[in-house]
Each structure stands twice: as C-alpha cells, then as structure tokens.
Amino acid sequence: MSTYLERYEVIGNTGFKARMQMALWVAAIAILASGSSTAGAKTWARNSLKTEADTDTAKRMAIRCASTGLGLSSTDAEIQTAVDTVVAELVA
C-alpha cells in the first residue's frame, strides 16, 4: 500500500490525470451505448464528451482512485474499473 504522500503526488501527476480523463471518456461512451442507461446518465455522458472534465471532477476522480491505492503503475483496466465505479455513483 502506498503512503499518503505517494497517493497525494499521484493526484498531481499529469500522466495519471490524462489516464483518468481517458477513463472518464470511455465510461461516458459506455453509458451512451447502453440501452439501460437513465436519461440523467446519458446527459452526463454527452456533457462529459464535449470537453475535458472540469478541474473539480477530475481531481475528485483522481483522489478517489489514489485513495484505493491506484498509482502510476496501475493498469488501464484497474483505473477504468475504479472510474466506472465512481461514475456509477455520480449518475445514480
């Protein structure tokens, strides 16, 4: 398990933030492709695909992922799973 300081440093890492952004876009595309997504979830997904995540959303996403121990060496699949979990909470 990484230390709090290591986790904090991950949040500010440009590469990690870019991976989080891509994971958010992938989650948005999955919502739009799903026939069971709610109207609110689809609205969130459409808005998410228009631009990069606002600073607050991206930071909250990075904090949530880093707090679970994800870091620079985490796989894209691990990051996607964590992001999908947070997105499901956001659009619920």
PDB file of N, CA and C in Angstrom:
ATOM      1  N   MET A   1       0.857  -1.184   0.000  1.00  0.00           N
ATOM      2  CA  MET A   1       0.000   0.000   0.000  1.00  0.00           C
ATOM      3  C   MET A   1       0.893   1.233   0.000  1.00  0.00           C
ATOM      4  N   SER A   2       0.542   2.175  -0.803  1.00  0.00           N
ATOM      5  CA  SER A   2       1.328   3.401  -0.887  1.00  0.00           C
ATOM      6  C   SER A   2       1.018   4.316   0.294  1.00  0.00           C
ATOM      7  N   THR A   3       1.960   5.201   0.579  1.00  0.00           N
ATOM      8  CA  THR A   3       1.777   6.146   1.680  1.00  0.00           C
ATOM      9  C   THR A   3       0.832   7.261   1.241  1.00  0.00           C
ATOM     10  N   TYR A   4       0.376   8.028   2.195  1.00  0.00           N
ATOM     11  CA  TYR A   4      -0.479   9.168   1.880  1.00  0.00           C
ATOM     12  C   TYR A   4       0.252  10.152   0.979  1.00  0.00           C
ATOM     13  N   LEU A   5       1.529  10.369   1.246  1.00  0.00           N
ATOM     14  CA  LEU A   5       2.300  11.296   0.428  1.00  0.00           C
ATOM     15  C   LEU A   5       2.399  10.792  -1.010  1.00  0.00           C
ATOM     16  N   GLU A   6       2.654   9.514  -1.189  1.00  0.00           N
ATOM     17  CA  GLU A   6       2.723   8.945  -2.537  1.00  0.00           C
ATOM     18  C   GLU A   6       1.387   9.073  -3.254  1.00  0.00           C
ATOM     19  N   ARG A   7       0.318   8.834  -2.537  1.00  0.00           N
ATOM     20  CA  ARG A   7      -1.017   8.965  -3.125  1.00  0.00           C
ATOM     21  C   ARG A   7      -1.291  10.411  -3.524  1.00  0.00           C
ATOM     22  N   TYR A   8      -0.892  11.349  -2.675  1.00  0.00           N
ATOM     23  CA  TYR A   8      -1.095  12.762  -2.966  1.00  0.00           C
ATOM     24  C   TYR A   8      -0.318  13.169  -4.218  1.00  0.00           C
ATOM     25  N   GLU A   9       0.890  12.685  -4.342  1.00  0.00           N
ATOM     26  CA  GLU A   9       1.714  13.015  -5.502  1.00  0.00           C
ATOM     27  C   GLU A   9       1.116  12.457  -6.796  1.00  0.00           C
ATOM     28  N   VAL A  10       0.462  11.309  -6.720  1.00  0.00           N
ATOM     29  CA  VAL A  10      -0.184  10.724  -7.893  1.00  0.00           C
ATOM     30  C   VAL A  10      -1.274  11.649  -8.423  1.00  0.00           C
ATOM     31  N   ILE A  11      -2.017  12.268  -7.522  1.00  0.00           N
ATOM     32  CA  ILE A  11      -3.133  13.134  -7.917  1.00  0.00           C
ATOM     33  C   ILE A  11      -2.664  14.277  -8.812  1.00  0.00           C
ATOM     34  N   GLY A  12      -1.468  14.798  -8.567  1.00  0.00           N
ATOM     35  CA  GLY A  12      -0.953  15.910  -9.349  1.00  0.00           C
ATOM     36  C   GLY A  12      -0.180  15.492 -10.592  1.00  0.00           C
ATOM     37  N   ASN A  13      -0.001  14.206 -10.804  1.00  0.00           N
ATOM     38  CA  ASN A  13       0.787  13.727 -11.934  1.00  0.00           C
ATOM     39  C   ASN A  13       0.024  13.913 -13.243  1.00  0.00           C
ATOM     40  N   THR A  14       0.642  14.584 -14.204  1.00  0.00           N
ATOM     41  CA  THR A  14      -0.010  14.883 -15.482  1.00  0.00           C
ATOM     42  C   THR A  14      -0.418  13.616 -16.230  1.00  0.00           C
ATOM     43  N   GLY A  15       0.453  12.637 -16.248  1.00  0.00           N
ATOM     44  CA  GLY A  15       0.135  11.382 -16.938  1.00  0.00           C
ATOM     45  C   GLY A  15      -1.032  10.657 -16.301  1.00  0.00           C
ATOM     46  N   PHE A  16      -1.072  10.649 -14.963  1.00  0.00           N
ATOM     47  CA  PHE A  16      -2.179   9.999 -14.262  1.00  0.00           C
ATOM     48  C   PHE A  16      -3.485  10.727 -14.553  1.00  0.00           C
ATOM     49  N   LYS A  17      -3.434  12.057 -14.551  1.00  0.00           N
ATOM     50  CA  LYS A  17      -4.644  12.836 -14.853  1.00  0.00           C
ATOM     51  C   LYS A  17      -5.133  12.558 -16.273  1.00  0.00           C
ATOM     52  N   ALA A  18      -4.217  12.416 -17.211  1.00  0.00           N
ATOM     53  CA  ALA A  18      -4.612  12.109 -18.591  1.00  0.00           C
ATOM     54  C   ALA A  18      -5.260  10.732 -18.680  1.00  0.00           C
ATOM     55  N   ARG A  19      -4.738   9.791 -17.943  1.00  0.00           N
ATOM     56  CA  ARG A  19      -5.342   8.451 -17.932  1.00  0.00           C
ATOM     57  C   ARG A  19      -6.734   8.483 -17.301  1.00  0.00           C
ATOM     58  N   MET A  20      -6.906   9.309 -16.271  1.00  0.00           N
ATOM     59  CA  MET A  20      -8.222   9.455 -15.642  1.00  0.00           C
ATOM     60  C   MET A  20      -9.208  10.060 -16.628  1.00  0.00           C
ATOM     61  N   GLN A  21      -8.747  11.069 -17.364  1.00  0.00           N
ATOM     62  CA  GLN A  21      -9.617  11.713 -18.352  1.00  0.00           C
ATOM     63  C   GLN A  21     -10.062  10.707 -19.399  1.00  0.00           C
ATOM     64  N   MET A  22      -9.135   9.919 -19.902  1.00  0.00           N
ATOM     65  CA  MET A  22      -9.483   8.928 -20.920  1.00  0.00           C
ATOM     66  C   MET A  22     -10.470   7.920 -20.349  1.00  0.00           C
ATOM     67  N   ALA A  23     -10.255   7.497 -19.122  1.00  0.00           N
ATOM     68  CA  ALA A  23     -11.170   6.552 -18.480  1.00  0.00           C
ATOM     69  C   ALA A  23     -12.564   7.161 -18.322  1.00  0.00           C
ATOM     70  N   LEU A  24     -12.632   8.454 -18.027  1.00  0.00           N
ATOM     71  CA  LEU A  24     -13.934   9.125 -17.938  1.00  0.00           C
ATOM     72  C   LEU A  24     -14.638   9.113 -19.291  1.00  0.00           C
ATOM     73  N   TRP A  25     -13.886   9.391 -20.363  1.00  0.00           N
ATOM     74  CA  TRP A  25     -14.487   9.372 -21.699  1.00  0.00           C
ATOM     75  C   TRP A  25     -14.959   7.969 -22.071  1.00  0.00           C
ATOM     76  N   VAL A  26     -14.179   6.960 -21.737  1.00  0.00           N
ATOM     77  CA  VAL A  26     -14.576   5.573 -22.026  1.00  0.00           C
ATOM     78  C   VAL A  26     -15.863   5.236 -21.265  1.00  0.00           C
ATOM     79  N   ALA A  27     -15.947   5.665 -20.019  1.00  0.00           N
ATOM     80  CA  ALA A  27     -17.161   5.423 -19.226  1.00  0.00           C
ATOM     81  C   ALA A  27     -18.361   6.134 -19.848  1.00  0.00           C
ATOM     82  N   ALA A  28     -18.155   7.351 -20.335  1.00  0.00           N
ATOM     83  CA  ALA A  28     -19.248   8.104 -20.962  1.00  0.00           C
ATOM     84  C   ALA A  28     -19.733   7.398 -22.228  1.00  0.00           C
ATOM     85  N   ILE A  29     -18.810   6.905 -23.024  1.00  0.00           N
ATOM     86  CA  ILE A  29     -19.191   6.192 -24.246  1.00  0.00           C
ATOM     87  C   ILE A  29     -19.979   4.926 -23.909  1.00  0.00           C
ATOM     88  N   ALA A  30     -19.567   4.228 -22.867  1.00  0.00           N
ATOM     89  CA  ALA A  30     -20.281   3.015 -22.450  1.00  0.00           C
ATOM     90  C   ALA A  30     -21.704   3.342 -22.002  1.00  0.00           C
ATOM     91  N   ILE A  31     -21.876   4.453 -21.312  1.00  0.00           N
ATOM     92  CA  ILE A  31     -23.216   4.866 -20.875  1.00  0.00           C
ATOM     93  C   ILE A  31     -24.098   5.128 -22.086  1.00  0.00           C
ATOM     94  N   LEU A  32     -23.563   5.829 -23.066  1.00  0.00           N
ATOM     95  CA  LEU A  32     -24.355   6.142 -24.257  1.00  0.00           C
ATOM     96  C   LEU A  32     -24.677   4.891 -25.074  1.00  0.00           C
ATOM     97  N   ALA A  33     -23.808   3.913 -25.027  1.00  0.00           N
ATOM     98  CA  ALA A  33     -24.028   2.684 -25.788  1.00  0.00           C
ATOM     99  C   ALA A  33     -24.992   1.722 -25.099  1.00  0.00           C
ATOM    100  N   SER A  34     -25.202   1.923 -23.820  1.00  0.00           N
ATOM    101  CA  SER A  34     -26.068   1.024 -23.058  1.00  0.00           C
ATOM    102  C   SER A  34     -27.535   1.401 -23.230  1.00  0.00           C
ATOM    103  N   GLY A  35     -28.343   0.410 -23.489  1.00  0.00           N
ATOM    104  CA  GLY A  35     -29.769   0.646 -23.625  1.00  0.00           C
ATOM    105  C   GLY A  35     -30.467   0.871 -22.299  1.00  0.00           C
ATOM    106  N   SER A  36     -29.799   0.555 -21.210  1.00  0.00           N
ATOM    107  CA  SER A  36     -30.443   0.679 -19.904  1.00  0.00           C
ATOM    108  C   SER A  36     -30.010   1.921 -19.122  1.00  0.00           C
ATOM    109  N   SER A  37     -29.220   2.780 -19.742  1.00  0.00           N
ATOM    110  CA  SER A  37     -28.787   3.998 -19.050  1.00  0.00           C
ATOM    111  C   SER A  37     -29.964   4.956 -18.876  1.00  0.00           C
ATOM    112  N   THR A  38     -29.987   5.635 -17.744  1.00  0.00           N
ATOM    113  CA  THR A  38     -31.050   6.602 -17.481  1.00  0.00           C
ATOM    114  C   THR A  38     -30.819   7.861 -18.309  1.00  0.00           C
ATOM    115  N   ALA A  39     -31.858   8.669 -18.415  1.00  0.00           N
ATOM    116  CA  ALA A  39     -31.737   9.933 -19.143  1.00  0.00           C
ATOM    117  C   ALA A  39     -30.697  10.829 -18.493  1.00  0.00           C
ATOM    118  N   GLY A  40     -30.660  10.850 -17.170  1.00  0.00           N
ATOM    119  CA  GLY A  40     -29.683  11.664 -16.455  1.00  0.00           C
ATOM    120  C   GLY A  40     -28.257  11.203 -16.720  1.00  0.00           C
ATOM    121  N   ALA A  41     -28.066   9.896 -16.764  1.00  0.00           N
ATOM    122  CA  ALA A  41     -26.735   9.347 -17.047  1.00  0.00           C
ATOM    123  C   ALA A  41     -26.305   9.701 -18.467  1.00  0.00           C
ATOM    124  N   LYS A  42     -27.239   9.621 -19.402  1.00  0.00           N
ATOM    125  CA  LYS A  42     -26.906   9.957 -20.797  1.00  0.00           C
ATOM    126  C   LYS A  42     -26.579  11.446 -20.948  1.00  0.00           C
ATOM    127  N   THR A  43     -27.286  12.285 -20.218  1.00  0.00           N
ATOM    128  CA  THR A  43     -26.977  13.715 -20.250  1.00  0.00           C
ATOM    129  C   THR A  43     -25.582  13.956 -19.707  1.00  0.00           C
ATOM    130  N   TRP A  44     -25.257  13.305 -18.584  1.00  0.00           N
ATOM    131  CA  TRP A  44     -23.921  13.432 -18.020  1.00  0.00           C
ATOM    132  C   TRP A  44     -22.875  12.964 -19.034  1.00  0.00           C
ATOM    133  N   ALA A  45     -23.133  11.843 -19.680  1.00  0.00           N
ATOM    134  CA  ALA A  45     -22.181  11.287 -20.646  1.00  0.00           C
ATOM    135  C   ALA A  45     -21.974  12.230 -21.828  1.00  0.00           C
ATOM    136  N   ARG A  46     -23.057  12.754 -22.376  1.00  0.00           N
ATOM    137  CA  ARG A  46     -22.932  13.686 -23.505  1.00  0.00           C
ATOM    138  C   ARG A  46     -22.120  14.918 -23.115  1.00  0.00           C
ATOM    139  N   ASN A  47     -22.403  15.455 -21.953  1.00  0.00           N
ATOM    140  CA  ASN A  47     -21.663  16.622 -21.481  1.00  0.00           C
ATOM    141  C   ASN A  47     -20.191  16.291 -21.239  1.00  0.00           C
ATOM    142  N   SER A  48     -19.926  15.103 -20.749  1.00  0.00           N
ATOM    143  CA  SER A  48     -18.549  14.686 -20.477  1.00  0.00           C
ATOM    144  C   SER A  48     -17.731  14.538 -21.746  1.00  0.00           C
ATOM    145  N   LEU A  49     -18.382  14.202 -22.837  1.00  0.00           N
ATOM    146  CA  LEU A  49     -17.671  14.012 -24.097  1.00  0.00           C
ATOM    147  C   LEU A  49     -17.404  15.320 -24.836  1.00  0.00           C
ATOM    148  N   LYS A  50     -18.037  16.403 -24.396  1.00  0.00           N
ATOM    149  CA  LYS A  50     -17.869  17.693 -25.073  1.00  0.00           C
ATOM    150  C   LYS A  50     -16.511  18.321 -24.801  1.00  0.00           C
ATOM    151  N   THR A  51     -15.930  18.017 -23.665  1.00  0.00           N
ATOM    152  CA  THR A  51     -14.680  18.668 -23.268  1.00  0.00           C
ATOM    153  C   THR A  51     -14.001  17.811 -22.211  1.00  0.00           C
ATOM    154  N   GLU A  52     -12.872  18.243 -21.753  1.00  0.00           N
ATOM    155  CA  GLU A  52     -12.220  17.547 -20.646  1.00  0.00           C
ATOM    156  C   GLU A  52     -13.005  17.810 -19.373  1.00  0.00           C
ATOM    157  N   ALA A  53     -12.856  16.904 -18.422  1.00  0.00           N
ATOM    158  CA  ALA A  53     -13.553  17.045 -17.148  1.00  0.00           C
ATOM    159  C   ALA A  53     -13.137  18.351 -16.476  1.00  0.00           C
ATOM    160  N   ASP A  54     -14.090  18.984 -15.825  1.00  0.00           N
ATOM    161  CA  ASP A  54     -13.731  20.194 -15.095  1.00  0.00           C
ATOM    162  C   ASP A  54     -12.744  19.825 -13.993  1.00  0.00           C
ATOM    163  N   THR A  55     -12.012  20.794 -13.535  1.00  0.00           N
ATOM    164  CA  THR A  55     -10.940  20.556 -12.566  1.00  0.00           C
ATOM    165  C   THR A  55     -11.447  19.846 -11.329  1.00  0.00           C
ATOM    166  N   ASP A  56     -12.599  20.229 -10.826  1.00  0.00           N
ATOM    167  CA  ASP A  56     -13.140  19.632  -9.613  1.00  0.00           C
ATOM    168  C   ASP A  56     -13.458  18.156  -9.823  1.00  0.00           C
ATOM    169  N   THR A  57     -14.133  17.824 -10.909  1.00  0.00           N
ATOM    170  CA  THR A  57     -14.489  16.428 -11.181  1.00  0.00           C
ATOM    171  C   THR A  57     -13.247  15.579 -11.377  1.00  0.00           C
ATOM    172  N   ALA A  58     -12.305  16.074 -12.157  1.00  0.00           N
ATOM    173  CA  ALA A  58     -11.084  15.316 -12.417  1.00  0.00           C
ATOM    174  C   ALA A  58     -10.299  15.092 -11.127  1.00  0.00           C
ATOM    175  N   LYS A  59     -10.223  16.114 -10.296  1.00  0.00           N
ATOM    176  CA  LYS A  59      -9.484  15.977  -9.043  1.00  0.00           C
ATOM    177  C   LYS A  59     -10.187  15.002  -8.107  1.00  0.00           C
ATOM    178  N   ARG A  60     -11.507  15.093  -8.008  1.00  0.00           N
ATOM    179  CA  ARG A  60     -12.238  14.158  -7.151  1.00  0.00           C
ATOM    180  C   ARG A  60     -12.062  12.728  -7.635  1.00  0.00           C
ATOM    181  N   MET A  61     -12.075  12.547  -8.949  1.00  0.00           N
ATOM    182  CA  MET A  61     -11.877  11.220  -9.514  1.00  0.00           C
ATOM    183  C   MET A  61     -10.480  10.704  -9.179  1.00  0.00           C
ATOM    184  N   ALA A  62      -9.474  11.540  -9.348  1.00  0.00           N
ATOM    185  CA  ALA A  62      -8.097  11.142  -9.043  1.00  0.00           C
ATOM    186  C   ALA A  62      -7.932  10.830  -7.556  1.00  0.00           C
ATOM    187  N   ILE A  63      -8.555  11.637  -6.703  1.00  0.00           N
ATOM    188  CA  ILE A  63      -8.478  11.393  -5.260  1.00  0.00           C
ATOM    189  C   ILE A  63      -9.095  10.043  -4.917  1.00  0.00           C
ATOM    190  N   ARG A  64     -10.277   9.775  -5.468  1.00  0.00           N
ATOM    191  CA  ARG A  64     -10.931   8.502  -5.183  1.00  0.00           C
ATOM    192  C   ARG A  64     -10.077   7.324  -5.634  1.00  0.00           C
ATOM    193  N   CYS A  65      -9.500   7.423  -6.823  1.00  0.00           N
ATOM    194  CA  CYS A  65      -8.685   6.325  -7.346  1.00  0.00           C
ATOM    195  C   CYS A  65      -7.395   6.166  -6.556  1.00  0.00           C
ATOM    196  N   ALA A  66      -6.729   7.278  -6.244  1.00  0.00           N
ATOM    197  CA  ALA A  66      -5.489   7.202  -5.481  1.00  0.00           C
ATOM    198  C   ALA A  66      -5.737   6.700  -4.066  1.00  0.00           C
ATOM    199  N   SER A  67      -6.887   7.032  -3.505  1.00  0.00           N
ATOM    200  CA  SER A  67      -7.183   6.591  -2.138  1.00  0.00           C
ATOM    201  C   SER A  67      -7.380   5.085  -2.050  1.00  0.00           C
ATOM    202  N   THR A  68      -7.694   4.452  -3.174  1.00  0.00           N
ATOM    203  CA  THR A  68      -7.841   2.991  -3.178  1.00  0.00           C
ATOM    204  C   THR A  68      -6.519   2.295  -3.454  1.00  0.00           C
ATOM    205  N   GLY A  69      -5.456   3.084  -3.628  1.00  0.00           N
ATOM    206  CA  GLY A  69      -4.141   2.503  -3.842  1.00  0.00           C
ATOM    207  C   GLY A  69      -3.687   2.489  -5.286  1.00  0.00           C
ATOM    208  N   LEU A  70      -4.523   2.989  -6.195  1.00  0.00           N
ATOM    209  CA  LEU A  70      -4.094   3.054  -7.585  1.00  0.00           C
ATOM    210  C   LEU A  70      -3.001   4.103  -7.718  1.00  0.00           C
ATOM    211  N   GLY A  71      -2.084   3.850  -8.619  1.00  0.00           N
ATOM    212  CA  GLY A  71      -0.986   4.781  -8.801  1.00  0.00           C
ATOM    213  C   GLY A  71      -0.461   4.763 -10.215  1.00  0.00           C
ATOM    214  N   LEU A  72       0.720   5.284 -10.381  1.00  0.00           N
ATOM    215  CA  LEU A  72       1.314   5.418 -11.706  1.00  0.00           C
ATOM    216  C   LEU A  72       1.539   4.069 -12.374  1.00  0.00           C
ATOM    217  N   SER A  73       1.748   3.029 -11.602  1.00  0.00           N
ATOM    218  CA  SER A  73       1.990   1.716 -12.193  1.00  0.00           C
ATOM    219  C   SER A  73       0.706   0.903 -12.381  1.00  0.00           C
ATOM    220  N   SER A  74      -0.434   1.471 -12.021  1.00  0.00           N
ATOM    221  CA  SER A  74      -1.709   0.765 -12.191  1.00  0.00           C
ATOM    222  C   SER A  74      -2.001   0.572 -13.671  1.00  0.00           C
ATOM    223  N   THR A  75      -2.652  -0.529 -13.983  1.00  0.00           N
ATOM    224  CA  THR A  75      -3.011  -0.791 -15.374  1.00  0.00           C
ATOM    225  C   THR A  75      -4.205   0.061 -15.777  1.00  0.00           C
ATOM    226  N   ASP A  76      -4.373   0.211 -17.074  1.00  0.00           N
ATOM    227  CA  ASP A  76      -5.543   0.945 -17.566  1.00  0.00           C
ATOM    228  C   ASP A  76      -6.826   0.264 -17.109  1.00  0.00           C
ATOM    229  N   ALA A  77      -6.832  -1.056 -17.093  1.00  0.00           N
ATOM    230  CA  ALA A  77      -8.025  -1.789 -16.663  1.00  0.00           C
ATOM    231  C   ALA A  77      -8.356  -1.506 -15.203  1.00  0.00           C
ATOM    232  N   GLU A  78      -7.341  -1.430 -14.340  1.00  0.00           N
ATOM    233  CA  GLU A  78      -7.578  -1.112 -12.927  1.00  0.00           C
ATOM    234  C   GLU A  78      -8.143   0.299 -12.782  1.00  0.00           C
ATOM    235  N   ILE A  79      -7.595   1.225 -13.532  1.00  0.00           N
ATOM    236  CA  ILE A  79      -8.085   2.609 -13.483  1.00  0.00           C
ATOM    237  C   ILE A  79      -9.509   2.676 -14.012  1.00  0.00           C
ATOM    238  N   GLN A  80      -9.788   1.977 -15.123  1.00  0.00           N
ATOM    239  CA  GLN A  80     -11.132   2.008 -15.695  1.00  0.00           C
ATOM    240  C   GLN A  80     -12.158   1.462 -14.724  1.00  0.00           C
ATOM    241  N   THR A  81     -11.818   0.370 -14.047  1.00  0.00           N
ATOM    242  CA  THR A  81     -12.741  -0.209 -13.071  1.00  0.00           C
ATOM    243  C   THR A  81     -13.056   0.780 -11.955  1.00  0.00           C
ATOM    244  N   ALA A  82     -12.031   1.455 -11.458  1.00  0.00           N
ATOM    245  CA  ALA A  82     -12.246   2.436 -10.393  1.00  0.00           C
ATOM    246  C   ALA A  82     -13.074   3.616 -10.886  1.00  0.00           C
ATOM    247  N   VAL A  83     -12.767   4.107 -12.067  1.00  0.00           N
ATOM    248  CA  VAL A  83     -13.515   5.238 -12.639  1.00  0.00           C
ATOM    249  C   VAL A  83     -14.965   4.841 -12.892  1.00  0.00           C
ATOM    250  N   ASP A  84     -15.189   3.649 -13.438  1.00  0.00           N
ATOM    251  CA  ASP A  84     -16.558   3.191 -13.683  1.00  0.00           C
ATOM    252  C   ASP A  84     -17.372   3.159 -12.389  1.00  0.00           C
ATOM    253  N   THR A  85     -16.746   2.753 -11.312  1.00  0.00           N
ATOM    254  CA  THR A  85     -17.433   2.710 -10.014  1.00  0.00           C
ATOM    255  C   THR A  85     -17.829   4.110  -9.566  1.00  0.00           C
ATOM    256  N   VAL A  86     -16.905   5.059  -9.698  1.00  0.00           N
ATOM    257  CA  VAL A  86     -17.213   6.432  -9.307  1.00  0.00           C
ATOM    258  C   VAL A  86     -18.265   7.048 -10.214  1.00  0.00           C
ATOM    259  N   VAL A  87     -18.168   6.806 -11.508  1.00  0.00           N
ATOM    260  CA  VAL A  87     -19.156   7.342 -12.458  1.00  0.00           C
ATOM    261  C   VAL A  87     -20.545   6.798 -12.122  1.00  0.00           C
ATOM    262  N   ALA A  88     -20.627   5.515 -11.803  1.00  0.00           N
ATOM    263  CA  ALA A  88     -21.931   4.933 -11.441  1.00  0.00           C
ATOM    264  C   ALA A  88     -22.529   5.659 -10.222  1.00  0.00           C
ATOM    265  N   GLU A  89     -21.699   6.044  -9.287  1.00  0.00           N
ATOM    266  CA  GLU A  89     -22.173   6.797  -8.130  1.00  0.00           C
ATOM    267  C   GLU A  89     -22.603   8.207  -8.518  1.00  0.00           C
ATOM    268  N   LEU A  90     -21.877   8.819  -9.462  1.00  0.00           N
ATOM    269  CA  LEU A  90     -22.193  10.192  -9.892  1.00  0.00           C
ATOM    270  C   LEU A  90     -23.531  10.270 -10.604  1.00  0.00           C
ATOM    271  N   VAL A  91     -23.847   9.264 -11.396  1.00  0.00           N
ATOM    272  CA  VAL A  91     -25.040   9.338 -12.235  1.00  0.00           C
ATOM    273  C   VAL A  91     -26.241   8.630 -11.616  1.00  0.00           C
ATOM    274  N   ALA A  92     -26.053   8.062 -10.431  1.00  0.00           N
ATOM    275  CA  ALA A  92     -27.157   7.329  -9.772  1.00  0.00           C
ATOM    276  C   ALA A  92     -28.232   8.276  -9.291  1.00  0.00           C
TER     277      ALA A  92
END
